PDB file of all heavy atoms in Angstrom:
ATOM      1  N   GLY A   1      96.634  89.613  97.900  1.00  0.00           N
ATOM      2  CA  GLY A   1      96.447  88.345  97.208  1.00  0.00           C
ATOM      3  C   GLY A   1      96.973  88.389  95.788  1.00  0.00           C
ATOM      4  O   GLY A   1      96.543  87.612  94.937  1.00  0.00           O
ATOM      5  N   ARG A   2      97.913  89.291  95.536  1.00  0.00           N
ATOM      6  CA  ARG A   2      98.511  89.426  94.198  1.00  0.00           C
ATOM      7  C   ARG A   2     100.024  89.350  94.330  1.00  0.00           C
ATOM      8  O   ARG A   2     100.577  89.608  95.401  1.00  0.00           O
ATOM      9  CB  ARG A   2      98.142  90.775  93.574  1.00  0.00           C
ATOM     10  CG  ARG A   2      96.649  91.036  93.479  1.00  0.00           C
ATOM     11  CD  ARG A   2      96.411  92.453  92.946  1.00  0.00           C
ATOM     12  NE  ARG A   2      95.081  92.932  93.274  1.00  0.00           N
ATOM     13  CZ  ARG A   2      94.755  94.205  93.403  1.00  0.00           C
ATOM     14  NH1 ARG A   2      95.689  95.134  93.260  1.00  0.00           N
ATOM     15  NH2 ARG A   2      93.516  94.570  93.694  1.00  0.00           N
ATOM     16  N   PRO A   3     100.714  89.021  93.229  1.00  0.00           N
ATOM     17  CA  PRO A   3     102.177  88.891  93.324  1.00  0.00           C
ATOM     18  C   PRO A   3     102.896  90.209  93.553  1.00  0.00           C
ATOM     19  O   PRO A   3     104.012  90.221  94.048  1.00  0.00           O
ATOM     20  CB  PRO A   3     102.577  88.261  91.985  1.00  0.00           C
ATOM     21  CG  PRO A   3     101.432  88.550  91.057  1.00  0.00           C
ATOM     22  CD  PRO A   3     100.206  88.585  91.910  1.00  0.00           C
ATOM     23  N   PHE A   4     102.258  91.332  93.213  1.00  0.00           N
ATOM     24  CA  PHE A   4     102.877  92.643  93.442  1.00  0.00           C
ATOM     25  C   PHE A   4     101.815  93.727  93.365  1.00  0.00           C
ATOM     26  O   PHE A   4     100.689  93.484  92.902  1.00  0.00           O
ATOM     27  CB  PHE A   4     104.011  92.926  92.426  1.00  0.00           C
ATOM     28  CG  PHE A   4     103.580  92.868  90.983  1.00  0.00           C
ATOM     29  CD1 PHE A   4     103.139  94.005  90.330  1.00  0.00           C
ATOM     30  CD2 PHE A   4     103.623  91.672  90.281  1.00  0.00           C
ATOM     31  CE1 PHE A   4     102.744  93.968  88.997  1.00  0.00           C
ATOM     32  CE2 PHE A   4     103.222  91.608  88.943  1.00  0.00           C
ATOM     33  CZ  PHE A   4     102.782  92.770  88.310  1.00  0.00           C
ATOM     34  N   ASP A   5     102.184  94.900  93.814  1.00  0.00           N
ATOM     35  CA  ASP A   5     101.305  96.078  93.807  1.00  0.00           C
ATOM     36  C   ASP A   5     101.515  96.795  92.473  1.00  0.00           C
ATOM     37  O   ASP A   5     102.444  97.578  92.314  1.00  0.00           O
ATOM     38  CB  ASP A   5     101.682  96.976  94.992  1.00  0.00           C
ATOM     39  CG  ASP A   5     100.912  98.287  95.028  1.00  0.00           C
ATOM     40  OD1 ASP A   5      99.897  98.416  94.326  1.00  0.00           O
ATOM     41  OD2 ASP A   5     101.360  99.189  95.773  1.00  0.00           O
ATOM     42  N   ALA A   6     100.658  96.510  91.503  1.00  0.00           N
ATOM     43  CA  ALA A   6     100.854  96.995  90.134  1.00  0.00           C
ATOM     44  C   ALA A   6     100.925  98.517  90.099  1.00  0.00           C
ATOM     45  O   ALA A   6     100.011  99.215  90.542  1.00  0.00           O
ATOM     46  CB  ALA A   6      99.726  96.501  89.229  1.00  0.00           C
ATOM     47  N   GLY A   7     102.043  99.021  89.573  1.00  0.00           N
ATOM     48  CA  GLY A   7     102.227 100.457  89.441  1.00  0.00           C
ATOM     49  C   GLY A   7     102.385 101.193  90.762  1.00  0.00           C
ATOM     50  O   GLY A   7     102.466 102.417  90.779  1.00  0.00           O
ATOM     51  N   GLY A   8     102.391 100.458  91.878  1.00  0.00           N
ATOM     52  CA  GLY A   8     102.443 101.103  93.187  1.00  0.00           C
ATOM     53  C   GLY A   8     101.146 101.802  93.550  1.00  0.00           C
ATOM     54  O   GLY A   8     101.128 102.666  94.443  1.00  0.00           O
ATOM     55  N   ALA A   9     100.044 101.402  92.887  1.00  0.00           N
ATOM     56  CA  ALA A   9      98.769 102.101  93.095  1.00  0.00           C
ATOM     57  C   ALA A   9      98.293 101.989  94.534  1.00  0.00           C
ATOM     58  O   ALA A   9      97.750 102.951  95.098  1.00  0.00           O
ATOM     59  CB  ALA A   9      97.714 101.542  92.137  1.00  0.00           C
ATOM     60  N   TRP A  10      98.470 100.812  95.139  1.00  0.00           N
ATOM     61  CA  TRP A  10      98.021 100.632  96.521  1.00  0.00           C
ATOM     62  C   TRP A  10      98.885 101.463  97.469  1.00  0.00           C
ATOM     63  O   TRP A  10      98.359 102.156  98.349  1.00  0.00           O
ATOM     64  CB  TRP A  10      98.071  99.152  96.877  1.00  0.00           C
ATOM     65  CG  TRP A  10      97.452  98.808  98.195  1.00  0.00           C
ATOM     66  CD1 TRP A  10      96.266  99.261  98.691  1.00  0.00           C
ATOM     67  CD2 TRP A  10      97.992  97.917  99.178  1.00  0.00           C
ATOM     68  NE1 TRP A  10      96.028  98.708  99.932  1.00  0.00           N
ATOM     69  CE2 TRP A  10      97.061  97.877 100.247  1.00  0.00           C
ATOM     70  CE3 TRP A  10      99.144  97.145  99.250  1.00  0.00           C
ATOM     71  CZ2 TRP A  10      97.276  97.088 101.385  1.00  0.00           C
ATOM     72  CZ3 TRP A  10      99.351  96.356 100.376  1.00  0.00           C
ATOM     73  CH2 TRP A  10      98.426  96.336 101.430  1.00  0.00           C
ATOM     74  N   ALA A  11     100.202 101.435  97.286  1.00  0.00           N
ATOM     75  CA  ALA A  11     101.090 102.229  98.146  1.00  0.00           C
ATOM     76  C   ALA A  11     100.756 103.715  98.063  1.00  0.00           C
ATOM     77  O   ALA A  11     100.846 104.442  99.055  1.00  0.00           O
ATOM     78  CB  ALA A  11     102.547 102.002  97.745  1.00  0.00           C
ATOM     79  N   ALA A  12     100.359 104.175  96.885  1.00  0.00           N
ATOM     80  CA  ALA A  12     100.041 105.587  96.695  1.00  0.00           C
ATOM     81  C   ALA A  12      98.823 106.011  97.512  1.00  0.00           C
ATOM     82  O   ALA A  12      98.650 107.204  97.810  1.00  0.00           O
ATOM     83  CB  ALA A  12      99.807 105.879  95.221  1.00  0.00           C
ATOM     84  N   GLU A  13      97.982 105.060  97.896  1.00  0.00           N
ATOM     85  CA  GLU A  13      96.791 105.371  98.689  1.00  0.00           C
ATOM     86  C   GLU A  13      97.100 105.499 100.181  1.00  0.00           C
ATOM     87  O   GLU A  13      96.284 106.030 100.941  1.00  0.00           O
ATOM     88  CB  GLU A  13      95.737 104.278  98.501  1.00  0.00           C
ATOM     89  CG  GLU A  13      95.186 104.177  97.084  1.00  0.00           C
ATOM     90  CD  GLU A  13      94.241 102.994  96.943  1.00  0.00           C
ATOM     91  OE1 GLU A  13      93.990 102.296  97.958  1.00  0.00           O
ATOM     92  OE2 GLU A  13      93.755 102.758  95.820  1.00  0.00           O
ATOM     93  N   GLY A  14      98.251 105.004 100.600  1.00  0.00           N
ATOM     94  CA  GLY A  14      98.574 104.990 102.015  1.00  0.00           C
ATOM     95  C   GLY A  14      99.358 106.203 102.471  1.00  0.00           C
ATOM     96  O   GLY A  14      99.730 107.070 101.670  1.00  0.00           O
ATOM     97  N   GLU A  15      99.608 106.249 103.755  1.00  0.00           N
ATOM     98  CA  GLU A  15     100.404 107.304 104.361  1.00  0.00           C
ATOM     99  C   GLU A  15     101.631 106.680 105.022  1.00  0.00           C
ATOM    100  O   GLU A  15     101.536 105.628 105.669  1.00  0.00           O
ATOM    101  CB  GLU A  15      99.585 108.071 105.400  1.00  0.00           C
ATOM    102  CG  GLU A  15      98.383 108.808 104.813  1.00  0.00           C
ATOM    103  CD  GLU A  15      97.610 109.584 105.868  1.00  0.00           C
ATOM    104  OE1 GLU A  15      98.061 109.580 107.044  1.00  0.00           O
ATOM    105  OE2 GLU A  15      96.566 110.163 105.534  1.00  0.00           O
ATOM    106  N   VAL A  16     102.759 107.345 104.873  1.00  0.00           N
ATOM    107  CA  VAL A  16     103.995 106.838 105.472  1.00  0.00           C
ATOM    108  C   VAL A  16     103.891 106.940 106.988  1.00  0.00           C
ATOM    109  O   VAL A  16     103.541 107.988 107.532  1.00  0.00           O
ATOM    110  CB  VAL A  16     105.206 107.632 104.954  1.00  0.00           C
ATOM    111  CG1 VAL A  16     106.480 107.226 105.709  1.00  0.00           C
ATOM    112  CG2 VAL A  16     105.378 107.424 103.456  1.00  0.00           C
ATOM    113  N   ASP A  17     104.187 105.836 107.664  1.00  0.00           N
ATOM    114  CA  ASP A  17     104.214 105.831 109.124  1.00  0.00           C
ATOM    115  C   ASP A  17     105.623 106.213 109.563  1.00  0.00           C
ATOM    116  O   ASP A  17     106.589 105.463 109.357  1.00  0.00           O
ATOM    117  CB  ASP A  17     103.843 104.445 109.659  1.00  0.00           C
ATOM    118  CG  ASP A  17     103.747 104.432 111.169  1.00  0.00           C
ATOM    119  OD1 ASP A  17     102.662 104.693 111.704  1.00  0.00           O
ATOM    120  OD2 ASP A  17     104.793 104.175 111.823  1.00  0.00           O
ATOM    121  N   ALA A  18     105.751 107.380 110.170  1.00  0.00           N
ATOM    122  CA  ALA A  18     107.072 107.937 110.487  1.00  0.00           C
ATOM    123  C   ALA A  18     107.849 107.052 111.461  1.00  0.00           C
ATOM    124  O   ALA A  18     109.062 106.870 111.320  1.00  0.00           O
ATOM    125  CB  ALA A  18     106.925 109.346 111.055  1.00  0.00           C
ATOM    126  N   LEU A  19     107.165 106.485 112.450  1.00  0.00           N
ATOM    127  CA  LEU A  19     107.854 105.657 113.442  1.00  0.00           C
ATOM    128  C   LEU A  19     108.359 104.362 112.808  1.00  0.00           C
ATOM    129  O   LEU A  19     109.502 103.944 113.061  1.00  0.00           O
ATOM    130  CB  LEU A  19     106.920 105.342 114.608  1.00  0.00           C
ATOM    131  CG  LEU A  19     107.520 104.441 115.698  1.00  0.00           C
ATOM    132  CD1 LEU A  19     108.799 105.042 116.274  1.00  0.00           C
ATOM    133  CD2 LEU A  19     106.493 104.178 116.800  1.00  0.00           C
ATOM    134  N   LEU A  20     107.535 103.736 111.988  1.00  0.00           N
ATOM    135  CA  LEU A  20     107.974 102.506 111.323  1.00  0.00           C
ATOM    136  C   LEU A  20     109.154 102.788 110.404  1.00  0.00           C
ATOM    137  O   LEU A  20     110.137 102.038 110.388  1.00  0.00           O
ATOM    138  CB  LEU A  20     106.818 101.877 110.539  1.00  0.00           C
ATOM    139  CG  LEU A  20     107.183 100.628 109.727  1.00  0.00           C
ATOM    140  CD1 LEU A  20     107.755  99.527 110.622  1.00  0.00           C
ATOM    141  CD2 LEU A  20     105.969 100.119 108.950  1.00  0.00           C
ATOM    142  N   LEU A  21     109.077 103.889 109.641  1.00  0.00           N
ATOM    143  CA  LEU A  21     110.185 104.235 108.752  1.00  0.00           C
ATOM    144  C   LEU A  21     111.456 104.467 109.558  1.00  0.00           C
ATOM    145  O   LEU A  21     112.550 104.018 109.163  1.00  0.00           O
ATOM    146  CB  LEU A  21     109.834 105.474 107.928  1.00  0.00           C
ATOM    147  CG  LEU A  21     110.890 105.913 106.911  1.00  0.00           C
ATOM    148  CD1 LEU A  21     111.148 104.826 105.876  1.00  0.00           C
ATOM    149  CD2 LEU A  21     110.460 107.210 106.231  1.00  0.00           C
ATOM    150  N   GLU A  22     111.336 105.143 110.684  1.00  0.00           N
ATOM    151  CA  GLU A  22     112.509 105.401 111.528  1.00  0.00           C
ATOM    152  C   GLU A  22     113.122 104.088 112.018  1.00  0.00           C
ATOM    153  O   GLU A  22     114.354 103.920 112.018  1.00  0.00           O
ATOM    154  CB  GLU A  22     112.096 106.262 112.730  1.00  0.00           C
ATOM    155  CG  GLU A  22     113.234 106.581 113.682  1.00  0.00           C
ATOM    156  CD  GLU A  22     112.774 107.387 114.888  1.00  0.00           C
ATOM    157  OE1 GLU A  22     111.579 107.758 114.949  1.00  0.00           O
ATOM    158  OE2 GLU A  22     113.609 107.637 115.785  1.00  0.00           O
ATOM    159  N   ARG A  23     112.270 103.150 112.424  1.00  0.00           N
ATOM    160  CA  ARG A  23     112.780 101.865 112.900  1.00  0.00           C
ATOM    161  C   ARG A  23     113.455 101.086 111.774  1.00  0.00           C
ATOM    162  O   ARG A  23     114.499 100.454 111.977  1.00  0.00           O
ATOM    163  CB  ARG A  23     111.634 101.042 113.491  1.00  0.00           C
ATOM    164  CG  ARG A  23     111.120 101.571 114.825  1.00  0.00           C
ATOM    165  CD  ARG A  23     109.966 100.711 115.338  1.00  0.00           C
ATOM    166  NE  ARG A  23     109.527 101.130 116.656  1.00  0.00           N
ATOM    167  CZ  ARG A  23     108.497 100.578 117.301  1.00  0.00           C
ATOM    168  NH1 ARG A  23     107.824  99.572 116.729  1.00  0.00           N
ATOM    169  NH2 ARG A  23     108.151 101.012 118.498  1.00  0.00           N
ATOM    170  N   LEU A  24     112.874 101.122 110.601  1.00  0.00           N
ATOM    171  CA  LEU A  24     113.468 100.413 109.462  1.00  0.00           C
ATOM    172  C   LEU A  24     114.810 101.023 109.082  1.00  0.00           C
ATOM    173  O   LEU A  24     115.776 100.298 108.791  1.00  0.00           O
ATOM    174  CB  LEU A  24     112.512 100.449 108.265  1.00  0.00           C
ATOM    175  CG  LEU A  24     111.170  99.725 108.440  1.00  0.00           C
ATOM    176  CD1 LEU A  24     110.270  99.959 107.238  1.00  0.00           C
ATOM    177  CD2 LEU A  24     111.378  98.219 108.665  1.00  0.00           C
TER     178      LEU A  24
END
């Protein structure tokens, strides 16, 4: 609900999904 993920703080909490990255 925000215009962006400030500082990438939210992304830093997640884990990279290898299959999704491969598809992208």
